[in-house]
Amino acid sequence: FMLGEDYVSMVCCQDEFDVAILVALREAGVTGRQSGELAVQLDIDHRDVSRRIHRMNKRMEQEIGEPVVDKQGHKWRLIAKLRRDFAAEKGVEES
């Protein structure tokens, strides 16, 4: 099944900062972003970024059994399934 961005936001995000992290990671694509880059972009502490991502992953794992964000090296990025689903959803909306 396909996970829509609205559904993922509703399940894993508690406030506007969580939504902003999700949007920033969607925009970053496959390359992802470091905690420090996200912190500067969102004007929050870099430690808060990691904590928020871990909480978002925990909520999503409880809901569907898998996280929404993974860490590759020093960068956070959306899992491949979400990148595909979000891209497909956006393509449908633009048509």
N, C-alpha and C. Protein backbone atom coordinates (compact mmCIF):
# COMPACT_ATOMS: atom_id res chain seq x y z
N PHE A 1 0.83 -1.18 0.00
CA PHE A 1 0.00 0.00 0.00
C PHE A 1 0.87 1.24 0.00
N MET A 2 0.28 2.31 -0.47
CA MET A 2 1.02 3.56 -0.61
C MET A 2 0.78 4.46 0.60
N LEU A 3 1.85 5.05 1.11
CA LEU A 3 1.74 5.97 2.24
C LEU A 3 1.74 7.40 1.74
N GLY A 4 0.66 8.11 1.97
CA GLY A 4 0.57 9.50 1.56
C GLY A 4 1.25 10.41 2.57
N GLU A 5 1.66 11.56 2.10
CA GLU A 5 2.36 12.51 2.97
C GLU A 5 1.45 12.99 4.11
N ASP A 6 0.19 13.18 3.83
CA ASP A 6 -0.75 13.61 4.88
C ASP A 6 -0.87 12.56 5.97
N TYR A 7 -0.96 11.30 5.58
CA TYR A 7 -1.07 10.21 6.55
C TYR A 7 0.18 10.13 7.41
N VAL A 8 1.35 10.18 6.78
CA VAL A 8 2.61 10.10 7.52
C VAL A 8 2.73 11.27 8.49
N SER A 9 2.38 12.46 8.04
CA SER A 9 2.42 13.64 8.91
C SER A 9 1.48 13.47 10.10
N MET A 10 0.29 12.97 9.84
CA MET A 10 -0.69 12.80 10.90
C MET A 10 -0.21 11.81 11.96
N VAL A 11 0.41 10.72 11.52
CA VAL A 11 0.83 9.67 12.44
C VAL A 11 2.11 10.02 13.19
N CYS A 12 3.12 10.52 12.49
CA CYS A 12 4.43 10.64 13.14
C CYS A 12 4.78 12.05 13.61
N CYS A 13 4.04 13.06 13.19
CA CYS A 13 4.40 14.43 13.56
C CYS A 13 3.51 14.96 14.67
N GLN A 14 4.15 15.57 15.68
CA GLN A 14 3.39 16.13 16.80
C GLN A 14 3.19 17.63 16.67
N ASP A 15 4.08 18.31 15.96
CA ASP A 15 3.96 19.76 15.83
C ASP A 15 4.57 20.23 14.51
N GLU A 16 4.61 21.54 14.35
CA GLU A 16 5.08 22.11 13.08
C GLU A 16 6.57 21.84 12.83
N PHE A 17 7.37 21.65 13.89
CA PHE A 17 8.79 21.36 13.69
C PHE A 17 8.96 19.95 13.11
N ASP A 18 8.17 18.99 13.59
CA ASP A 18 8.24 17.63 13.02
C ASP A 18 7.84 17.66 11.55
N VAL A 19 6.79 18.39 11.24
CA VAL A 19 6.35 18.50 9.84
C VAL A 19 7.44 19.15 9.00
N ALA A 20 8.07 20.20 9.54
CA ALA A 20 9.14 20.89 8.81
C ALA A 20 10.33 19.96 8.56
N ILE A 21 10.66 19.12 9.53
CA ILE A 21 11.75 18.14 9.34
C ILE A 21 11.38 17.18 8.22
N LEU A 22 10.15 16.69 8.24
CA LEU A 22 9.69 15.76 7.21
C LEU A 22 9.76 16.40 5.83
N VAL A 23 9.30 17.64 5.72
CA VAL A 23 9.32 18.35 4.43
C VAL A 23 10.76 18.59 3.97
N ALA A 24 11.63 19.00 4.89
CA ALA A 24 13.03 19.26 4.54
C ALA A 24 13.71 17.99 4.04
N LEU A 25 13.41 16.86 4.67
CA LEU A 25 14.00 15.60 4.24
C LEU A 25 13.42 15.14 2.91
N ARG A 26 12.15 15.41 2.68
CA ARG A 26 11.56 15.09 1.38
C ARG A 26 12.25 15.89 0.28
N GLU A 27 12.46 17.18 0.55
CA GLU A 27 13.12 18.04 -0.43
C GLU A 27 14.58 17.66 -0.65
N ALA A 28 15.23 17.11 0.38
CA ALA A 28 16.64 16.73 0.27
C ALA A 28 16.83 15.51 -0.62
N GLY A 29 15.78 14.71 -0.75
CA GLY A 29 15.85 13.53 -1.62
C GLY A 29 16.77 12.46 -1.08
N VAL A 30 17.39 11.76 -2.00
CA VAL A 30 18.22 10.61 -1.65
C VAL A 30 19.50 11.01 -0.91
N THR A 31 19.97 12.23 -1.10
CA THR A 31 21.21 12.65 -0.44
C THR A 31 21.02 12.90 1.04
N GLY A 32 19.83 13.32 1.46
CA GLY A 32 19.56 13.56 2.87
C GLY A 32 20.21 14.83 3.39
N ARG A 33 20.09 15.04 4.69
CA ARG A 33 20.67 16.22 5.34
C ARG A 33 21.21 15.85 6.71
N GLN A 34 22.24 16.55 7.12
CA GLN A 34 22.81 16.36 8.45
C GLN A 34 21.94 17.08 9.48
N SER A 35 22.02 16.64 10.73
CA SER A 35 21.27 17.27 11.82
C SER A 35 21.57 18.76 11.89
N GLY A 36 22.82 19.12 11.74
CA GLY A 36 23.22 20.53 11.81
C GLY A 36 22.59 21.35 10.70
N GLU A 37 22.53 20.80 9.50
CA GLU A 37 21.91 21.51 8.38
C GLU A 37 20.41 21.72 8.64
N LEU A 38 19.76 20.69 9.14
CA LEU A 38 18.34 20.80 9.45
C LEU A 38 18.10 21.81 10.58
N ALA A 39 18.99 21.79 11.57
CA ALA A 39 18.85 22.71 12.71
C ALA A 39 18.96 24.16 12.26
N VAL A 40 19.91 24.45 11.39
CA VAL A 40 20.08 25.82 10.88
C VAL A 40 18.86 26.22 10.05
N GLN A 41 18.40 25.31 9.19
CA GLN A 41 17.26 25.60 8.33
C GLN A 41 15.99 25.87 9.16
N LEU A 42 15.82 25.13 10.26
CA LEU A 42 14.60 25.23 11.06
C LEU A 42 14.76 26.11 12.30
N ASP A 43 15.98 26.58 12.53
CA ASP A 43 16.29 27.43 13.68
C ASP A 43 15.96 26.75 15.01
N ILE A 44 16.44 25.49 15.16
CA ILE A 44 16.33 24.76 16.41
C ILE A 44 17.67 24.12 16.73
N ASP A 45 17.84 23.64 17.95
CA ASP A 45 19.09 23.00 18.37
C ASP A 45 19.30 21.70 17.59
N HIS A 46 20.54 21.42 17.20
CA HIS A 46 20.81 20.22 16.39
C HIS A 46 20.50 18.93 17.15
N ARG A 47 20.60 18.96 18.49
CA ARG A 47 20.26 17.77 19.27
C ARG A 47 18.76 17.51 19.24
N ASP A 48 17.97 18.58 19.15
CA ASP A 48 16.52 18.43 19.05
C ASP A 48 16.12 17.74 17.75
N VAL A 49 16.86 17.99 16.70
CA VAL A 49 16.55 17.35 15.41
C VAL A 49 16.64 15.84 15.55
N SER A 50 17.73 15.34 16.10
CA SER A 50 17.89 13.89 16.26
C SER A 50 16.83 13.30 17.17
N ARG A 51 16.55 13.97 18.28
CA ARG A 51 15.52 13.49 19.21
C ARG A 51 14.15 13.42 18.53
N ARG A 52 13.83 14.45 17.79
CA ARG A 52 12.54 14.48 17.10
C ARG A 52 12.44 13.37 16.06
N ILE A 53 13.51 13.14 15.31
CA ILE A 53 13.50 12.08 14.30
C ILE A 53 13.32 10.73 14.96
N HIS A 54 14.00 10.49 16.07
CA HIS A 54 13.86 9.21 16.77
C HIS A 54 12.42 9.02 17.26
N ARG A 55 11.79 10.08 17.76
CA ARG A 55 10.39 9.98 18.21
C ARG A 55 9.45 9.76 17.03
N MET A 56 9.72 10.44 15.92
CA MET A 56 8.89 10.24 14.73
C MET A 56 9.00 8.78 14.25
N ASN A 57 10.21 8.25 14.24
CA ASN A 57 10.41 6.86 13.84
C ASN A 57 9.69 5.90 14.78
N LYS A 58 9.75 6.16 16.06
CA LYS A 58 9.09 5.30 17.04
C LYS A 58 7.58 5.27 16.82
N ARG A 59 6.98 6.44 16.59
CA ARG A 59 5.54 6.50 16.35
C ARG A 59 5.17 5.75 15.07
N MET A 60 5.97 5.90 14.02
CA MET A 60 5.67 5.22 12.76
C MET A 60 5.89 3.71 12.88
N GLU A 61 6.91 3.30 13.62
CA GLU A 61 7.15 1.86 13.82
C GLU A 61 5.97 1.23 14.56
N GLN A 62 5.39 1.95 15.50
CA GLN A 62 4.22 1.43 16.22
C GLN A 62 3.02 1.33 15.28
N GLU A 63 2.92 2.23 14.33
CA GLU A 63 1.78 2.25 13.41
C GLU A 63 1.92 1.24 12.28
N ILE A 64 3.05 1.24 11.58
CA ILE A 64 3.19 0.39 10.39
C ILE A 64 4.36 -0.60 10.46
N GLY A 65 5.12 -0.54 11.53
CA GLY A 65 6.20 -1.50 11.68
C GLY A 65 7.52 -1.13 11.04
N GLU A 66 7.65 0.09 10.55
CA GLU A 66 8.91 0.54 9.98
C GLU A 66 9.09 2.04 10.22
N PRO A 67 10.35 2.47 10.28
CA PRO A 67 10.62 3.90 10.50
C PRO A 67 10.37 4.70 9.23
N VAL A 68 10.36 6.03 9.37
CA VAL A 68 10.19 6.90 8.20
C VAL A 68 11.51 7.49 7.75
N VAL A 69 12.46 7.58 8.66
CA VAL A 69 13.75 8.20 8.37
C VAL A 69 14.86 7.24 8.79
N ASP A 70 15.89 7.14 7.95
CA ASP A 70 17.06 6.35 8.34
C ASP A 70 18.29 7.23 8.28
N LYS A 71 19.34 6.74 8.89
CA LYS A 71 20.59 7.51 8.91
C LYS A 71 21.61 6.79 8.04
N GLN A 72 22.13 7.51 7.08
CA GLN A 72 23.15 6.99 6.18
C GLN A 72 24.40 7.82 6.39
N GLY A 73 25.39 7.26 7.04
CA GLY A 73 26.57 8.03 7.40
C GLY A 73 26.19 9.06 8.44
N HIS A 74 26.40 10.33 8.14
CA HIS A 74 26.04 11.41 9.06
C HIS A 74 24.75 12.12 8.65
N LYS A 75 24.08 11.59 7.64
CA LYS A 75 22.91 12.28 7.10
C LYS A 75 21.63 11.48 7.34
N TRP A 76 20.56 12.20 7.64
CA TRP A 76 19.22 11.64 7.76
C TRP A 76 18.55 11.73 6.40
N ARG A 77 17.75 10.71 6.06
CA ARG A 77 16.99 10.77 4.82
C ARG A 77 15.74 9.90 4.97
N LEU A 78 14.72 10.24 4.19
CA LEU A 78 13.50 9.43 4.19
C LEU A 78 13.82 8.05 3.64
N ILE A 79 13.11 7.05 4.14
CA ILE A 79 13.31 5.71 3.59
C ILE A 79 12.88 5.71 2.13
N ALA A 80 13.43 4.78 1.37
CA ALA A 80 13.19 4.74 -0.08
C ALA A 80 11.70 4.61 -0.42
N LYS A 81 10.97 3.80 0.34
CA LYS A 81 9.54 3.61 0.08
C LYS A 81 8.80 4.94 0.17
N LEU A 82 9.10 5.75 1.19
CA LEU A 82 8.42 7.04 1.33
C LEU A 82 8.79 8.00 0.22
N ARG A 83 10.06 8.01 -0.18
CA ARG A 83 10.47 8.89 -1.28
C ARG A 83 9.68 8.53 -2.54
N ARG A 84 9.52 7.23 -2.81
CA ARG A 84 8.76 6.78 -3.99
C ARG A 84 7.29 7.16 -3.85
N ASP A 85 6.71 6.88 -2.67
CA ASP A 85 5.29 7.16 -2.46
C ASP A 85 4.99 8.66 -2.56
N PHE A 86 5.84 9.49 -1.95
CA PHE A 86 5.63 10.93 -1.99
C PHE A 86 5.78 11.45 -3.42
N ALA A 87 6.75 10.91 -4.17
CA ALA A 87 6.94 11.34 -5.55
C ALA A 87 5.74 10.93 -6.41
N ALA A 88 5.23 9.72 -6.20
CA ALA A 88 4.08 9.25 -6.96
C ALA A 88 2.85 10.08 -6.62
N GLU A 89 2.67 10.39 -5.35
CA GLU A 89 1.53 11.21 -4.92
C GLU A 89 1.60 12.60 -5.53
N LYS A 90 2.79 13.17 -5.56
CA LYS A 90 2.96 14.51 -6.13
C LYS A 90 2.71 14.48 -7.63
N GLY A 91 3.15 13.43 -8.30
CA GLY A 91 2.93 13.29 -9.73
C GLY A 91 1.46 13.20 -10.07
N VAL A 92 0.68 12.53 -9.25
CA VAL A 92 -0.75 12.40 -9.46
C VAL A 92 -1.43 13.75 -9.29
N GLU A 93 -1.00 14.51 -8.28
CA GLU A 93 -1.61 15.81 -8.01
C GLU A 93 -1.34 16.80 -9.14
N GLU A 94 -0.16 16.72 -9.75
CA GLU A 94 0.22 17.69 -10.78
C GLU A 94 -0.43 17.39 -12.14
N SER A 95 -0.87 16.16 -12.34
CA SER A 95 -1.44 15.77 -13.63
C SER A 95 -2.77 16.42 -13.90
